[in-house]
Amino acid sequence: MSRLPVIDAKKFEKLLFSLGFVSVRQKGSHVFYRHADGRYTTLPHHKGNDLSRPLTRQILREINITPEEFIEGLNKL
């Protein structure tokens, strides 16, 4: 298993949109995303900061995709 890439929230948001998630609400800098099948996650949009690998891994668990699918999705963007 390779290491997850470190990306910013905007790029992760693009990936979520490509997977069919929509933004449902925002509280401060945290945006909440929901998929039609019931999956949901929260993504912090802290300007100038990248998402840490543990946070990225947690979000991937919440949206039920593997790290390999995550990397493939990033390559398609």
PDB file of N, CA and C in Angstrom:
ATOM      1  N   MET A   1       0.851  -1.180   0.000  1.00  0.00           N
ATOM      2  CA  MET A   1       0.000   0.000   0.000  1.00  0.00           C
ATOM      3  C   MET A   1       0.890   1.234   0.000  1.00  0.00           C
ATOM      4  N   SER A   2       0.604   2.147  -0.890  1.00  0.00           N
ATOM      5  CA  SER A   2       1.393   3.359  -0.970  1.00  0.00           C
ATOM      6  C   SER A   2       0.833   4.425  -0.039  1.00  0.00           C
ATOM      7  N   ARG A   3       1.630   5.423   0.193  1.00  0.00           N
ATOM      8  CA  ARG A   3       1.196   6.525   1.049  1.00  0.00           C
ATOM      9  C   ARG A   3       0.165   7.366   0.320  1.00  0.00           C
ATOM     10  N   LEU A   4      -0.766   7.873   1.079  1.00  0.00           N
ATOM     11  CA  LEU A   4      -1.777   8.757   0.503  1.00  0.00           C
ATOM     12  C   LEU A   4      -1.155  10.097   0.160  1.00  0.00           C
ATOM     13  N   PRO A   5      -1.553  10.692  -0.947  1.00  0.00           N
ATOM     14  CA  PRO A   5      -1.046  12.024  -1.263  1.00  0.00           C
ATOM     15  C   PRO A   5      -1.663  13.067  -0.340  1.00  0.00           C
ATOM     16  N   VAL A   6      -0.916  14.112  -0.064  1.00  0.00           N
ATOM     17  CA  VAL A   6      -1.426  15.226   0.730  1.00  0.00           C
ATOM     18  C   VAL A   6      -2.005  16.241  -0.249  1.00  0.00           C
ATOM     19  N   ILE A   7      -3.306  16.542  -0.080  1.00  0.00           N
ATOM     20  CA  ILE A   7      -3.967  17.477  -0.988  1.00  0.00           C
ATOM     21  C   ILE A   7      -4.714  18.522  -0.171  1.00  0.00           C
ATOM     22  N   ASP A   8      -5.143  19.572  -0.846  1.00  0.00           N
ATOM     23  CA  ASP A   8      -5.926  20.604  -0.164  1.00  0.00           C
ATOM     24  C   ASP A   8      -7.415  20.299  -0.288  1.00  0.00           C
ATOM     25  N   ALA A   9      -8.215  21.051   0.416  1.00  0.00           N
ATOM     26  CA  ALA A   9      -9.658  20.799   0.481  1.00  0.00           C
ATOM     27  C   ALA A   9     -10.343  21.029  -0.868  1.00  0.00           C
ATOM     28  N   LYS A  10      -9.872  21.989  -1.651  1.00  0.00           N
ATOM     29  CA  LYS A  10     -10.509  22.271  -2.937  1.00  0.00           C
ATOM     30  C   LYS A  10     -10.398  21.081  -3.885  1.00  0.00           C
ATOM     31  N   LYS A  11      -9.224  20.441  -3.904  1.00  0.00           N
ATOM     32  CA  LYS A  11      -9.036  19.288  -4.776  1.00  0.00           C
ATOM     33  C   LYS A  11      -9.874  18.109  -4.281  1.00  0.00           C
ATOM     34  N   PHE A  12      -9.952  17.928  -2.957  1.00  0.00           N
ATOM     35  CA  PHE A  12     -10.770  16.855  -2.409  1.00  0.00           C
ATOM     36  C   PHE A  12     -12.240  17.115  -2.715  1.00  0.00           C
ATOM     37  N   GLU A  13     -12.644  18.376  -2.666  1.00  0.00           N
ATOM     38  CA  GLU A  13     -14.023  18.739  -2.992  1.00  0.00           C
ATOM     39  C   GLU A  13     -14.354  18.376  -4.438  1.00  0.00           C
ATOM     40  N   LYS A  14     -13.440  18.620  -5.358  1.00  0.00           N
ATOM     41  CA  LYS A  14     -13.650  18.257  -6.759  1.00  0.00           C
ATOM     42  C   LYS A  14     -13.845  16.753  -6.891  1.00  0.00           C
ATOM     43  N   LEU A  15     -13.059  15.984  -6.139  1.00  0.00           N
ATOM     44  CA  LEU A  15     -13.195  14.532  -6.170  1.00  0.00           C
ATOM     45  C   LEU A  15     -14.560  14.108  -5.631  1.00  0.00           C
ATOM     46  N   LEU A  16     -14.999  14.734  -4.533  1.00  0.00           N
ATOM     47  CA  LEU A  16     -16.306  14.396  -3.969  1.00  0.00           C
ATOM     48  C   LEU A  16     -17.423  14.695  -4.971  1.00  0.00           C
ATOM     49  N   PHE A  17     -17.342  15.841  -5.645  1.00  0.00           N
ATOM     50  CA  PHE A  17     -18.355  16.185  -6.638  1.00  0.00           C
ATOM     51  C   PHE A  17     -18.360  15.170  -7.784  1.00  0.00           C
ATOM     52  N   SER A  18     -17.174  14.715  -8.201  1.00  0.00           N
ATOM     53  CA  SER A  18     -17.105  13.737  -9.290  1.00  0.00           C
ATOM     54  C   SER A  18     -17.666  12.379  -8.866  1.00  0.00           C
ATOM     55  N   LEU A  19     -17.671  12.104  -7.559  1.00  0.00           N
ATOM     56  CA  LEU A  19     -18.229  10.845  -7.049  1.00  0.00           C
ATOM     57  C   LEU A  19     -19.730  10.936  -6.798  1.00  0.00           C
ATOM     58  N   GLY A  20     -20.322  12.116  -6.991  1.00  0.00           N
ATOM     59  CA  GLY A  20     -21.762  12.272  -6.846  1.00  0.00           C
ATOM     60  C   GLY A  20     -22.204  12.908  -5.543  1.00  0.00           C
ATOM     61  N   PHE A  21     -21.285  13.434  -4.757  1.00  0.00           N
ATOM     62  CA  PHE A  21     -21.644  14.111  -3.512  1.00  0.00           C
ATOM     63  C   PHE A  21     -22.075  15.540  -3.821  1.00  0.00           C
ATOM     64  N   VAL A  22     -22.949  16.066  -2.977  1.00  0.00           N
ATOM     65  CA  VAL A  22     -23.370  17.462  -3.098  1.00  0.00           C
ATOM     66  C   VAL A  22     -23.177  18.139  -1.747  1.00  0.00           C
ATOM     67  N   SER A  23     -22.904  19.418  -1.802  1.00  0.00           N
ATOM     68  CA  SER A  23     -22.753  20.207  -0.587  1.00  0.00           C
ATOM     69  C   SER A  23     -24.139  20.505  -0.038  1.00  0.00           C
ATOM     70  N   VAL A  24     -24.375  20.135   1.244  1.00  0.00           N
ATOM     71  CA  VAL A  24     -25.707  20.342   1.808  1.00  0.00           C
ATOM     72  C   VAL A  24     -25.762  21.507   2.781  1.00  0.00           C
ATOM     73  N   ARG A  25     -24.667  21.767   3.476  1.00  0.00           N
ATOM     74  CA  ARG A  25     -24.658  22.909   4.383  1.00  0.00           C
ATOM     75  C   ARG A  25     -23.224  23.221   4.787  1.00  0.00           C
ATOM     76  N   GLN A  26     -23.063  24.349   5.467  1.00  0.00           N
ATOM     77  CA  GLN A  26     -21.746  24.774   5.918  1.00  0.00           C
ATOM     78  C   GLN A  26     -21.881  25.403   7.291  1.00  0.00           C
ATOM     79  N   LYS A  27     -20.933  25.091   8.162  1.00  0.00           N
ATOM     80  CA  LYS A  27     -20.875  25.720   9.476  1.00  0.00           C
ATOM     81  C   LYS A  27     -19.442  26.194   9.671  1.00  0.00           C
ATOM     82  N   GLY A  28     -19.252  27.484   9.556  1.00  0.00           N
ATOM     83  CA  GLY A  28     -17.904  28.029   9.629  1.00  0.00           C
ATOM     84  C   GLY A  28     -17.112  27.604   8.413  1.00  0.00           C
ATOM     85  N   SER A  29     -15.945  26.991   8.641  1.00  0.00           N
ATOM     86  CA  SER A  29     -15.104  26.550   7.534  1.00  0.00           C
ATOM     87  C   SER A  29     -15.334  25.085   7.175  1.00  0.00           C
ATOM     88  N   HIS A  30     -16.283  24.423   7.837  1.00  0.00           N
ATOM     89  CA  HIS A  30     -16.555  23.012   7.591  1.00  0.00           C
ATOM     90  C   HIS A  30     -17.790  22.867   6.699  1.00  0.00           C
ATOM     91  N   VAL A  31     -17.587  22.158   5.585  1.00  0.00           N
ATOM     92  CA  VAL A  31     -18.664  21.945   4.629  1.00  0.00           C
ATOM     93  C   VAL A  31     -19.105  20.485   4.728  1.00  0.00           C
ATOM     94  N   PHE A  32     -20.412  20.275   4.728  1.00  0.00           N
ATOM     95  CA  PHE A  32     -20.988  18.948   4.860  1.00  0.00           C
ATOM     96  C   PHE A  32     -21.464  18.474   3.490  1.00  0.00           C
ATOM     97  N   TYR A  33     -21.067  17.256   3.123  1.00  0.00           N
ATOM     98  CA  TYR A  33     -21.401  16.692   1.817  1.00  0.00           C
ATOM     99  C   TYR A  33     -22.220  15.428   2.017  1.00  0.00           C
ATOM    100  N   ARG A  34     -23.199  15.211   1.129  1.00  0.00           N
ATOM    101  CA  ARG A  34     -24.046  14.030   1.206  1.00  0.00           C
ATOM    102  C   ARG A  34     -24.188  13.425  -0.185  1.00  0.00           C
ATOM    103  N   HIS A  35     -24.256  12.110  -0.220  1.00  0.00           N
ATOM    104  CA  HIS A  35     -24.464  11.365  -1.455  1.00  0.00           C
ATOM    105  C   HIS A  35     -25.904  10.870  -1.470  1.00  0.00           C
ATOM    106  N   ALA A  36     -26.441  10.589  -2.652  1.00  0.00           N
ATOM    107  CA  ALA A  36     -27.826  10.138  -2.770  1.00  0.00           C
ATOM    108  C   ALA A  36     -28.071   8.808  -2.053  1.00  0.00           C
ATOM    109  N   ASP A  37     -27.035   7.973  -1.900  1.00  0.00           N
ATOM    110  CA  ASP A  37     -27.216   6.680  -1.237  1.00  0.00           C
ATOM    111  C   ASP A  37     -27.075   6.762   0.283  1.00  0.00           C
ATOM    112  N   GLY A  38     -26.884   7.964   0.832  1.00  0.00           N
ATOM    113  CA  GLY A  38     -26.856   8.142   2.277  1.00  0.00           C
ATOM    114  C   GLY A  38     -25.489   8.384   2.883  1.00  0.00           C
ATOM    115  N   ARG A  39     -24.426   8.192   2.109  1.00  0.00           N
ATOM    116  CA  ARG A  39     -23.090   8.464   2.641  1.00  0.00           C
ATOM    117  C   ARG A  39     -22.931   9.961   2.861  1.00  0.00           C
ATOM    118  N   TYR A  40     -22.163  10.323   3.874  1.00  0.00           N
ATOM    119  CA  TYR A  40     -21.923  11.740   4.147  1.00  0.00           C
ATOM    120  C   TYR A  40     -20.544  11.914   4.761  1.00  0.00           C
ATOM    121  N   THR A  41     -20.027  13.124   4.658  1.00  0.00           N
ATOM    122  CA  THR A  41     -18.748  13.455   5.258  1.00  0.00           C
ATOM    123  C   THR A  41     -18.657  14.958   5.461  1.00  0.00           C
ATOM    124  N   THR A  42     -17.693  15.361   6.257  1.00  0.00           N
ATOM    125  CA  THR A  42     -17.419  16.765   6.519  1.00  0.00           C
ATOM    126  C   THR A  42     -15.998  17.058   6.080  1.00  0.00           C
ATOM    127  N   LEU A  43     -15.827  18.177   5.400  1.00  0.00           N
ATOM    128  CA  LEU A  43     -14.514  18.552   4.899  1.00  0.00           C
ATOM    129  C   LEU A  43     -14.168  19.954   5.387  1.00  0.00           C
ATOM    130  N   PRO A  44     -13.062  20.104   6.136  1.00  0.00           N
ATOM    131  CA  PRO A  44     -12.676  21.437   6.595  1.00  0.00           C
ATOM    132  C   PRO A  44     -11.967  22.209   5.475  1.00  0.00           C
ATOM    133  N   HIS A  45     -12.404  23.415   5.232  1.00  0.00           N
ATOM    134  CA  HIS A  45     -11.792  24.283   4.217  1.00  0.00           C
ATOM    135  C   HIS A  45     -10.972  25.363   4.927  1.00  0.00           C
ATOM    136  N   HIS A  46      -9.806  24.994   5.406  1.00  0.00           N
ATOM    137  CA  HIS A  46      -8.923  25.951   6.064  1.00  0.00           C
ATOM    138  C   HIS A  46      -7.933  26.464   5.032  1.00  0.00           C
ATOM    139  N   LYS A  47      -8.071  27.719   4.686  1.00  0.00           N
ATOM    140  CA  LYS A  47      -7.278  28.309   3.611  1.00  0.00           C
ATOM    141  C   LYS A  47      -5.785  28.229   3.927  1.00  0.00           C
ATOM    142  N   GLY A  48      -5.032  27.753   2.944  1.00  0.00           N
ATOM    143  CA  GLY A  48      -3.580  27.670   3.087  1.00  0.00           C
ATOM    144  C   GLY A  48      -3.089  26.400   3.756  1.00  0.00           C
ATOM    145  N   ASN A  49      -4.008  25.537   4.220  1.00  0.00           N
ATOM    146  CA  ASN A  49      -3.605  24.299   4.878  1.00  0.00           C
ATOM    147  C   ASN A  49      -4.028  23.100   4.046  1.00  0.00           C
ATOM    148  N   ASP A  50      -3.162  22.091   3.999  1.00  0.00           N
ATOM    149  CA  ASP A  50      -3.497  20.829   3.358  1.00  0.00           C
ATOM    150  C   ASP A  50      -4.157  19.913   4.372  1.00  0.00           C
ATOM    151  N   LEU A  51      -4.876  18.912   3.864  1.00  0.00           N
ATOM    152  CA  LEU A  51      -5.492  17.920   4.738  1.00  0.00           C
ATOM    153  C   LEU A  51      -4.432  16.894   5.150  1.00  0.00           C
ATOM    154  N   SER A  52      -4.416  16.531   6.407  1.00  0.00           N
ATOM    155  CA  SER A  52      -3.438  15.551   6.879  1.00  0.00           C
ATOM    156  C   SER A  52      -3.811  14.163   6.370  1.00  0.00           C
ATOM    157  N   ARG A  53      -2.843  13.276   6.337  1.00  0.00           N
ATOM    158  CA  ARG A  53      -3.102  11.907   5.883  1.00  0.00           C
ATOM    159  C   ARG A  53      -4.098  11.176   6.789  1.00  0.00           C
ATOM    160  N   PRO A  54      -3.994  11.306   8.128  1.00  0.00           N
ATOM    161  CA  PRO A  54      -5.005  10.633   8.956  1.00  0.00           C
ATOM    162  C   PRO A  54      -6.424  11.151   8.703  1.00  0.00           C
ATOM    163  N   LEU A  55      -6.576  12.444   8.485  1.00  0.00           N
ATOM    164  CA  LEU A  55      -7.895  13.000   8.189  1.00  0.00           C
ATOM    165  C   LEU A  55      -8.390  12.501   6.838  1.00  0.00           C
ATOM    166  N   THR A  56      -7.512  12.456   5.857  1.00  0.00           N
ATOM    167  CA  THR A  56      -7.882  11.943   4.540  1.00  0.00           C
ATOM    168  C   THR A  56      -8.335  10.495   4.648  1.00  0.00           C
ATOM    169  N   ARG A  57      -7.613   9.688   5.409  1.00  0.00           N
ATOM    170  CA  ARG A  57      -7.973   8.281   5.594  1.00  0.00           C
ATOM    171  C   ARG A  57      -9.342   8.151   6.282  1.00  0.00           C
ATOM    172  N   GLN A  58      -9.606   9.010   7.263  1.00  0.00           N
ATOM    173  CA  GLN A  58     -10.896   8.990   7.958  1.00  0.00           C
ATOM    174  C   GLN A  58     -12.031   9.336   6.998  1.00  0.00           C
ATOM    175  N   ILE A  59     -11.833  10.333   6.160  1.00  0.00           N
ATOM    176  CA  ILE A  59     -12.861  10.723   5.191  1.00  0.00           C
ATOM    177  C   ILE A  59     -13.098   9.596   4.191  1.00  0.00           C
ATOM    178  N   LEU A  60     -12.028   8.925   3.770  1.00  0.00           N
ATOM    179  CA  LEU A  60     -12.177   7.810   2.837  1.00  0.00           C
ATOM    180  C   LEU A  60     -12.994   6.683   3.457  1.00  0.00           C
ATOM    181  N   ARG A  61     -12.796   6.429   4.753  1.00  0.00           N
ATOM    182  CA  ARG A  61     -13.608   5.416   5.443  1.00  0.00           C
ATOM    183  C   ARG A  61     -15.075   5.842   5.495  1.00  0.00           C
ATOM    184  N   GLU A  62     -15.328   7.123   5.727  1.00  0.00           N
ATOM    185  CA  GLU A  62     -16.704   7.617   5.805  1.00  0.00           C
ATOM    186  C   GLU A  62     -17.439   7.491   4.474  1.00  0.00           C
ATOM    187  N   ILE A  63     -16.724   7.703   3.367  1.00  0.00           N
ATOM    188  CA  ILE A  63     -17.382   7.656   2.055  1.00  0.00           C
ATOM    189  C   ILE A  63     -17.216   6.296   1.374  1.00  0.00           C
ATOM    190  N   ASN A  64     -16.611   5.345   2.080  1.00  0.00           N
ATOM    191  CA  ASN A  64     -16.492   3.948   1.620  1.00  0.00           C
ATOM    192  C   ASN A  64     -15.755   3.794   0.294  1.00  0.00           C
ATOM    193  N   ILE A  65     -14.602   4.440   0.159  1.00  0.00           N
ATOM    194  CA  ILE A  65     -13.742   4.156  -0.988  1.00  0.00           C
ATOM    195  C   ILE A  65     -12.354   3.800  -0.473  1.00  0.00           C
ATOM    196  N   THR A  66     -11.648   3.006  -1.244  1.00  0.00           N
ATOM    197  CA  THR A  66     -10.318   2.555  -0.846  1.00  0.00           C
ATOM    198  C   THR A  66      -9.281   3.616  -1.214  1.00  0.00           C
ATOM    199  N   PRO A  67      -8.112   3.557  -0.595  1.00  0.00           N
ATOM    200  CA  PRO A  67      -7.044   4.491  -0.984  1.00  0.00           C
ATOM    201  C   PRO A  67      -6.667   4.374  -2.461  1.00  0.00           C
ATOM    202  N   GLU A  68      -6.735   3.165  -3.001  1.00  0.00           N
ATOM    203  CA  GLU A  68      -6.408   2.979  -4.417  1.00  0.00           C
ATOM    204  C   GLU A  68      -7.437   3.679  -5.313  1.00  0.00           C
ATOM    205  N   GLU A  69      -8.729   3.573  -4.952  1.00  0.00           N
ATOM    206  CA  GLU A  69      -9.769   4.270  -5.703  1.00  0.00           C
ATOM    207  C   GLU A  69      -9.610   5.781  -5.570  1.00  0.00           C
ATOM    208  N   PHE A  70      -9.170   6.229  -4.398  1.00  0.00           N
ATOM    209  CA  PHE A  70      -8.926   7.657  -4.165  1.00  0.00           C
ATOM    210  C   PHE A  70      -7.828   8.166  -5.103  1.00  0.00           C
ATOM    211  N   ILE A  71      -6.732   7.433  -5.184  1.00  0.00           N
ATOM    212  CA  ILE A  71      -5.608   7.846  -6.035  1.00  0.00           C
ATOM    213  C   ILE A  71      -6.031   7.823  -7.507  1.00  0.00           C
ATOM    214  N   GLU A  72      -6.788   6.800  -7.917  1.00  0.00           N
ATOM    215  CA  GLU A  72      -7.283   6.738  -9.308  1.00  0.00           C
ATOM    216  C   GLU A  72      -8.192   7.927  -9.603  1.00  0.00           C
ATOM    217  N   GLY A  73      -9.050   8.279  -8.662  1.00  0.00           N
ATOM    218  CA  GLY A  73      -9.944   9.416  -8.842  1.00  0.00           C
ATOM    219  C   GLY A  73      -9.183  10.722  -8.978  1.00  0.00           C
ATOM    220  N   LEU A  74      -8.110  10.869  -8.200  1.00  0.00           N
ATOM    221  CA  LEU A  74      -7.290  12.084  -8.299  1.00  0.00           C
ATOM    222  C   LEU A  74      -6.614  12.162  -9.670  1.00  0.00           C
ATOM    223  N   ASN A  75      -6.180  11.028 -10.186  1.00  0.00           N
ATOM    224  CA  ASN A  75      -5.513  11.027 -11.489  1.00  0.00           C
ATOM    225  C   ASN A  75      -6.463  11.388 -12.621  1.00  0.00           C
ATOM    226  N   LYS A  76      -7.762  11.128 -12.435  1.00  0.00           N
ATOM    227  CA  LYS A  76      -8.746  11.459 -13.460  1.00  0.00           C
ATOM    228  C   LYS A  76      -9.145  12.926 -13.452  1.00  0.00           C
ATOM    229  N   LEU A  77      -8.864  13.635 -12.359  1.00  0.00           N
ATOM    230  CA  LEU A  77      -9.249  15.050 -12.274  1.00  0.00           C
ATOM    231  C   LEU A  77      -8.412  15.912 -13.169  1.00  0.00           C
TER     232      LEU A  77
END
